[in-house]
Amino acid sequence: MVKPSFVALSLGLLLAGCSDRTPAPAPLASRPAPVATAPTLAAAPERAHAEPQAAYSYSPVGKPDPFRNPLDSACCAPPPPTSCNEPLCHFELKQLKLSGVISGLANPVAVVESPQGKSYRIYQGSKVGRNGGVVKQVRRDSLVVAEITRDDQGRTYEHETIIRMPPDLPMALEE
């Protein structure tokens, strides 16, 4: 059975929605003043003659290259070779002179002369040169030194330099 209060409430809502009175329209807000528009095409040539504008020029200074791969940037490249405290790391490879090789050993020994005339013994794995070079191989008549070089785009490459024995010296000493 339906409660009488529910019926009275429903009837009151129904009658309230069917009233003959219409609400008054809301007052119109005042419209803002029209915004000045861009000059028409006819007025543009006159303005161009009146005010000369500076030509735009792009300057790439201090801006990243949009065509460069961000993964190849210097931030992601391996760090430069560690500094070397050995005496042969203070010379360029061109300044060093191979004066002798003792081969026939399990680990061949090369004798290198500095520009000052001092001799140094070096083995495979010794550090040589200013660019962090490492002796990769000691041959009967030469040394193979690998240096890590970096190009202008930040990529690193291993560059091998061969230091040959002068032709007037004996080739190698065999033990």
C-alpha atoms as a PDB file:
ATOM      1  CA  MET A   1       0.000   0.000   0.000  1.00  0.00           C
ATOM      2  CA  VAL A   2       1.224   3.480  -0.844  1.00  0.00           C
ATOM      3  CA  LYS A   3       1.707   5.956   1.929  1.00  0.00           C
ATOM      4  CA  PRO A   4      -0.391   9.101   1.734  1.00  0.00           C
ATOM      5  CA  SER A   5       2.640  11.405   2.283  1.00  0.00           C
ATOM      6  CA  PHE A   6       4.336   9.977  -0.791  1.00  0.00           C
ATOM      7  CA  VAL A   7       1.229  10.571  -2.918  1.00  0.00           C
ATOM      8  CA  ALA A   8       0.924  14.171  -1.700  1.00  0.00           C
ATOM      9  CA  LEU A   9       4.582  14.863  -2.428  1.00  0.00           C
ATOM     10  CA  SER A  10       4.350  13.409  -5.943  1.00  0.00           C
ATOM     11  CA  LEU A  11       1.225  15.431  -6.714  1.00  0.00           C
ATOM     12  CA  GLY A  12       2.850  18.646  -5.458  1.00  0.00           C
ATOM     13  CA  LEU A  13       5.888  18.152  -7.712  1.00  0.00           C
ATOM     14  CA  LEU A  14       3.691  17.406 -10.688  1.00  0.00           C
ATOM     15  CA  LEU A  15       1.643  20.554 -10.204  1.00  0.00           C
ATOM     16  CA  ALA A  16       4.719  22.726  -9.662  1.00  0.00           C
ATOM     17  CA  GLY A  17       6.144  21.662 -13.022  1.00  0.00           C
ATOM     18  CA  CYS A  18       2.896  22.512 -14.873  1.00  0.00           C
ATOM     19  CA  SER A  19       2.549  26.156 -13.881  1.00  0.00           C
ATOM     20  CA  ASP A  20       1.505  28.749 -16.481  1.00  0.00           C
ATOM     21  CA  ARG A  21       4.093  31.276 -15.430  1.00  0.00           C
ATOM     22  CA  THR A  22       7.191  31.466 -17.596  1.00  0.00           C
ATOM     23  CA  PRO A  23      10.405  32.721 -16.083  1.00  0.00           C
ATOM     24  CA  ALA A  24      11.624  36.168 -17.090  1.00  0.00           C
ATOM     25  CA  PRO A  25      14.516  36.129 -19.544  1.00  0.00           C
ATOM     26  CA  ALA A  26      17.927  36.803 -18.036  1.00  0.00           C
ATOM     27  CA  PRO A  27      19.278  40.284 -18.734  1.00  0.00           C
ATOM     28  CA  LEU A  28      21.796  40.340 -21.586  1.00  0.00           C
ATOM     29  CA  ALA A  29      25.368  41.078 -20.598  1.00  0.00           C
ATOM     30  CA  SER A  30      26.903  44.025 -22.315  1.00  0.00           C
ATOM     31  CA  ARG A  31      29.075  42.975 -25.170  1.00  0.00           C
ATOM     32  CA  PRO A  32      32.761  43.937 -25.118  1.00  0.00           C
ATOM     33  CA  ALA A  33      34.006  46.443 -27.623  1.00  0.00           C
ATOM     34  CA  PRO A  34      35.181  44.862 -30.874  1.00  0.00           C
ATOM     35  CA  VAL A  35      38.885  44.083 -31.005  1.00  0.00           C
ATOM     36  CA  ALA A  36      40.928  45.802 -33.651  1.00  0.00           C
ATOM     37  CA  THR A  37      41.532  43.438 -36.540  1.00  0.00           C
ATOM     38  CA  ALA A  38      44.613  43.024 -38.668  1.00  0.00           C
ATOM     39  CA  PRO A  39      44.962  45.578 -41.452  1.00  0.00           C
ATOM     40  CA  THR A  40      43.407  44.578 -44.709  1.00  0.00           C
ATOM     41  CA  LEU A  41      45.490  43.597 -47.707  1.00  0.00           C
ATOM     42  CA  ALA A  42      44.981  46.999 -49.266  1.00  0.00           C
ATOM     43  CA  ALA A  43      46.452  48.744 -46.207  1.00  0.00           C
ATOM     44  CA  ALA A  44      49.433  46.385 -45.888  1.00  0.00           C
ATOM     45  CA  PRO A  45      51.545  47.855 -48.753  1.00  0.00           C
ATOM     46  CA  GLU A  46      51.182  51.346 -47.338  1.00  0.00           C
ATOM     47  CA  ARG A  47      52.425  50.188 -43.940  1.00  0.00           C
ATOM     48  CA  ALA A  48      55.352  48.316 -45.510  1.00  0.00           C
ATOM     49  CA  HIS A  49      56.553  51.528 -47.121  1.00  0.00           C
ATOM     50  CA  ALA A  50      56.041  53.510 -43.948  1.00  0.00           C
ATOM     51  CA  GLU A  51      57.978  51.189 -41.537  1.00  0.00           C
ATOM     52  CA  PRO A  52      60.774  49.049 -43.002  1.00  0.00           C
ATOM     53  CA  GLN A  53      61.095  45.794 -41.067  1.00  0.00           C
ATOM     54  CA  ALA A  54      64.411  44.077 -40.350  1.00  0.00           C
ATOM     55  CA  ALA A  55      64.956  40.794 -42.206  1.00  0.00           C
ATOM     56  CA  TYR A  56      64.969  37.703 -39.995  1.00  0.00           C
ATOM     57  CA  SER A  57      68.187  35.709 -39.866  1.00  0.00           C
ATOM     58  CA  TYR A  58      68.683  32.450 -37.974  1.00  0.00           C
ATOM     59  CA  SER A  59      71.742  32.080 -35.772  1.00  0.00           C
ATOM     60  CA  PRO A  60      72.577  28.497 -34.704  1.00  0.00           C
ATOM     61  CA  VAL A  61      75.018  29.660 -32.024  1.00  0.00           C
ATOM     62  CA  GLY A  62      74.214  27.995 -28.717  1.00  0.00           C
ATOM     63  CA  LYS A  63      71.378  25.908 -30.158  1.00  0.00           C
ATOM     64  CA  PRO A  64      71.372  22.125 -30.637  1.00  0.00           C
ATOM     65  CA  ASP A  65      71.524  20.710 -34.137  1.00  0.00           C
ATOM     66  CA  PRO A  66      67.991  19.435 -34.914  1.00  0.00           C
ATOM     67  CA  PHE A  67      69.338  16.897 -37.419  1.00  0.00           C
ATOM     68  CA  ARG A  68      71.837  15.259 -35.041  1.00  0.00           C
ATOM     69  CA  ASN A  69      70.929  12.015 -33.325  1.00  0.00           C
ATOM     70  CA  PRO A  70      70.729  12.769 -29.584  1.00  0.00           C
ATOM     71  CA  LEU A  71      72.210   9.341 -28.821  1.00  0.00           C
ATOM     72  CA  ASP A  72      75.425  10.341 -30.627  1.00  0.00           C
ATOM     73  CA  SER A  73      75.921  13.491 -28.570  1.00  0.00           C
ATOM     74  CA  ALA A  74      78.934  14.083 -26.375  1.00  0.00           C
ATOM     75  CA  CYS A  75      76.935  13.450 -23.234  1.00  0.00           C
ATOM     76  CA  CYS A  76      76.441   9.825 -24.172  1.00  0.00           C
ATOM     77  CA  ALA A  77      79.878   9.156 -25.653  1.00  0.00           C
ATOM     78  CA  PRO A  78      82.371   7.155 -23.619  1.00  0.00           C
ATOM     79  CA  PRO A  79      84.703   9.263 -21.520  1.00  0.00           C
ATOM     80  CA  PRO A  80      88.075  10.231 -22.970  1.00  0.00           C
ATOM     81  CA  PRO A  81      90.994   7.959 -22.179  1.00  0.00           C
ATOM     82  CA  THR A  82      92.287   8.217 -18.644  1.00  0.00           C
ATOM     83  CA  SER A  83      95.399  10.224 -18.063  1.00  0.00           C
ATOM     84  CA  CYS A  84      98.652   8.332 -18.097  1.00  0.00           C
ATOM     85  CA  ASN A  85     101.450   8.884 -15.593  1.00  0.00           C
ATOM     86  CA  GLU A  86     104.035   6.758 -17.397  1.00  0.00           C
ATOM     87  CA  PRO A  87     107.014   8.610 -18.908  1.00  0.00           C
ATOM     88  CA  LEU A  88     106.212   7.616 -22.499  1.00  0.00           C
ATOM     89  CA  CYS A  89     102.766   9.233 -22.255  1.00  0.00           C
ATOM     90  CA  HIS A  90     104.348  12.686 -22.428  1.00  0.00           C
ATOM     91  CA  PHE A  91     105.477  12.252 -26.052  1.00  0.00           C
ATOM     92  CA  GLU A  92     103.688  12.064 -29.369  1.00  0.00           C
ATOM     93  CA  LEU A  93     104.033   8.723 -31.174  1.00  0.00           C
ATOM     94  CA  LYS A  94     105.913  10.477 -34.000  1.00  0.00           C
ATOM     95  CA  GLN A  95     108.631  11.529 -31.527  1.00  0.00           C
ATOM     96  CA  LEU A  96     109.383   7.980 -30.361  1.00  0.00           C
ATOM     97  CA  LYS A  97     112.013   5.893 -32.147  1.00  0.00           C
ATOM     98  CA  LEU A  98     111.976   2.100 -32.053  1.00  0.00           C
ATOM     99  CA  SER A  99     115.580   1.100 -31.441  1.00  0.00           C
ATOM    100  CA  GLY A 100     115.289  -2.639 -30.837  1.00  0.00           C
ATOM    101  CA  VAL A 101     113.039  -5.674 -30.344  1.00  0.00           C
ATOM    102  CA  ILE A 102     113.762  -8.837 -28.402  1.00  0.00           C
ATOM    103  CA  SER A 103     111.439 -11.453 -29.835  1.00  0.00           C
ATOM    104  CA  GLY A 104     111.261 -15.193 -29.304  1.00  0.00           C
ATOM    105  CA  LEU A 105     109.997 -14.688 -25.756  1.00  0.00           C
ATOM    106  CA  ALA A 106     106.498 -15.376 -24.491  1.00  0.00           C
ATOM    107  CA  ASN A 107     106.135 -11.606 -24.056  1.00  0.00           C
ATOM    108  CA  PRO A 108     108.393  -9.803 -26.583  1.00  0.00           C
ATOM    109  CA  VAL A 109     110.196  -6.673 -25.417  1.00  0.00           C
ATOM    110  CA  ALA A 110     110.696  -3.517 -27.464  1.00  0.00           C
ATOM    111  CA  VAL A 111     113.148  -0.740 -26.707  1.00  0.00           C
ATOM    112  CA  VAL A 112     111.929   2.750 -27.552  1.00  0.00           C
ATOM    113  CA  GLU A 113     114.022   5.903 -27.474  1.00  0.00           C
ATOM    114  CA  SER A 114     112.572   9.273 -26.435  1.00  0.00           C
ATOM    115  CA  PRO A 115     113.526  12.574 -28.122  1.00  0.00           C
ATOM    116  CA  GLN A 116     115.947  13.239 -25.237  1.00  0.00           C
ATOM    117  CA  GLY A 117     117.800   9.981 -26.027  1.00  0.00           C
ATOM    118  CA  LYS A 118     116.562   7.991 -23.018  1.00  0.00           C
ATOM    119  CA  SER A 119     115.609   4.346 -23.682  1.00  0.00           C
ATOM    120  CA  TYR A 120     112.501   2.623 -22.324  1.00  0.00           C
ATOM    121  CA  ARG A 121     111.430  -1.030 -22.367  1.00  0.00           C
ATOM    122  CA  ILE A 122     107.835  -1.588 -23.384  1.00  0.00           C
ATOM    123  CA  TYR A 123     105.670  -4.676 -23.657  1.00  0.00           C
ATOM    124  CA  GLN A 124     102.299  -5.536 -25.072  1.00  0.00           C
ATOM    125  CA  GLY A 125      99.724  -3.533 -23.047  1.00  0.00           C
ATOM    126  CA  SER A 126     102.121  -0.670 -22.171  1.00  0.00           C
ATOM    127  CA  LYS A 127     100.710   2.849 -22.377  1.00  0.00           C
ATOM    128  CA  VAL A 128     102.403   5.091 -24.922  1.00  0.00           C
ATOM    129  CA  GLY A 129     101.674   8.547 -26.378  1.00  0.00           C
ATOM    130  CA  ARG A 130      99.621  11.571 -25.390  1.00  0.00           C
ATOM    131  CA  ASN A 131      96.322  10.248 -26.746  1.00  0.00           C
ATOM    132  CA  GLY A 132      96.140   7.264 -24.404  1.00  0.00           C
ATOM    133  CA  GLY A 133      97.747   4.788 -26.786  1.00  0.00           C
ATOM    134  CA  VAL A 134      98.209   1.151 -25.798  1.00  0.00           C
ATOM    135  CA  VAL A 135     100.740  -1.225 -27.374  1.00  0.00           C
ATOM    136  CA  LYS A 136      98.644  -3.943 -29.027  1.00  0.00           C
ATOM    137  CA  GLN A 137     101.426  -5.962 -30.575  1.00  0.00           C
ATOM    138  CA  VAL A 138     105.224  -6.163 -30.517  1.00  0.00           C
ATOM    139  CA  ARG A 139     106.475  -7.481 -33.874  1.00  0.00           C
ATOM    140  CA  ARG A 140     110.003  -8.323 -35.038  1.00  0.00           C
ATOM    141  CA  ASP A 141     110.444  -4.963 -36.745  1.00  0.00           C
ATOM    142  CA  SER A 142     107.612  -2.760 -35.485  1.00  0.00           C
ATOM    143  CA  LEU A 143     105.124  -1.858 -32.773  1.00  0.00           C
ATOM    144  CA  VAL A 144     101.374  -1.582 -33.238  1.00  0.00           C
ATOM    145  CA  VAL A 145      99.893   1.123 -30.994  1.00  0.00           C
ATOM    146  CA  ALA A 146      96.129   1.655 -30.750  1.00  0.00           C
ATOM    147  CA  GLU A 147      94.877   5.127 -29.883  1.00  0.00           C
ATOM    148  CA  ILE A 148      91.299   6.214 -29.306  1.00  0.00           C
ATOM    149  CA  THR A 149      90.429   9.311 -31.308  1.00  0.00           C
ATOM    150  CA  ARG A 150      87.230  11.327 -31.313  1.00  0.00           C
ATOM    151  CA  ASP A 151      85.791  13.024 -34.391  1.00  0.00           C
ATOM    152  CA  ASP A 152      84.007  16.383 -34.487  1.00  0.00           C
ATOM    153  CA  GLN A 153      80.630  14.700 -33.914  1.00  0.00           C
ATOM    154  CA  GLY A 154      81.748  13.011 -30.686  1.00  0.00           C
ATOM    155  CA  ARG A 155      82.088   9.473 -32.044  1.00  0.00           C
ATOM    156  CA  THR A 156      85.139   7.515 -30.925  1.00  0.00           C
ATOM    157  CA  TYR A 157      87.339   5.410 -33.163  1.00  0.00           C
ATOM    158  CA  GLU A 158      90.312   3.177 -32.525  1.00  0.00           C
ATOM    159  CA  HIS A 159      93.221   4.281 -34.682  1.00  0.00           C
ATOM    160  CA  GLU A 160      96.259   2.012 -35.070  1.00  0.00           C
ATOM    161  CA  THR A 161      99.720   3.477 -35.573  1.00  0.00           C
ATOM    162  CA  ILE A 162     102.693   1.374 -36.563  1.00  0.00           C
ATOM    163  CA  ILE A 163     106.104   2.467 -35.301  1.00  0.00           C
ATOM    164  CA  ARG A 164     108.750   0.858 -37.510  1.00  0.00           C
ATOM    165  CA  MET A 165     112.388   0.250 -36.777  1.00  0.00           C
ATOM    166  CA  PRO A 166     114.767   2.383 -38.866  1.00  0.00           C
ATOM    167  CA  PRO A 167     116.287   0.388 -41.758  1.00  0.00           C
ATOM    168  CA  ASP A 168     119.896   0.887 -40.613  1.00  0.00           C
ATOM    169  CA  LEU A 169     119.376  -0.994 -37.288  1.00  0.00           C
ATOM    170  CA  PRO A 170     119.453  -4.782 -36.967  1.00  0.00           C
ATOM    171  CA  MET A 171     115.974  -6.360 -37.128  1.00  0.00           C
ATOM    172  CA  ALA A 172     115.688  -8.246 -33.851  1.00  0.00           C
ATOM    173  CA  LEU A 173     117.605 -10.174 -31.269  1.00  0.00           C
ATOM    174  CA  GLU A 174     116.626 -13.830 -30.900  1.00  0.00           C
ATOM    175  CA  GLU A 175     117.151 -15.620 -27.608  1.00  0.00           C
END
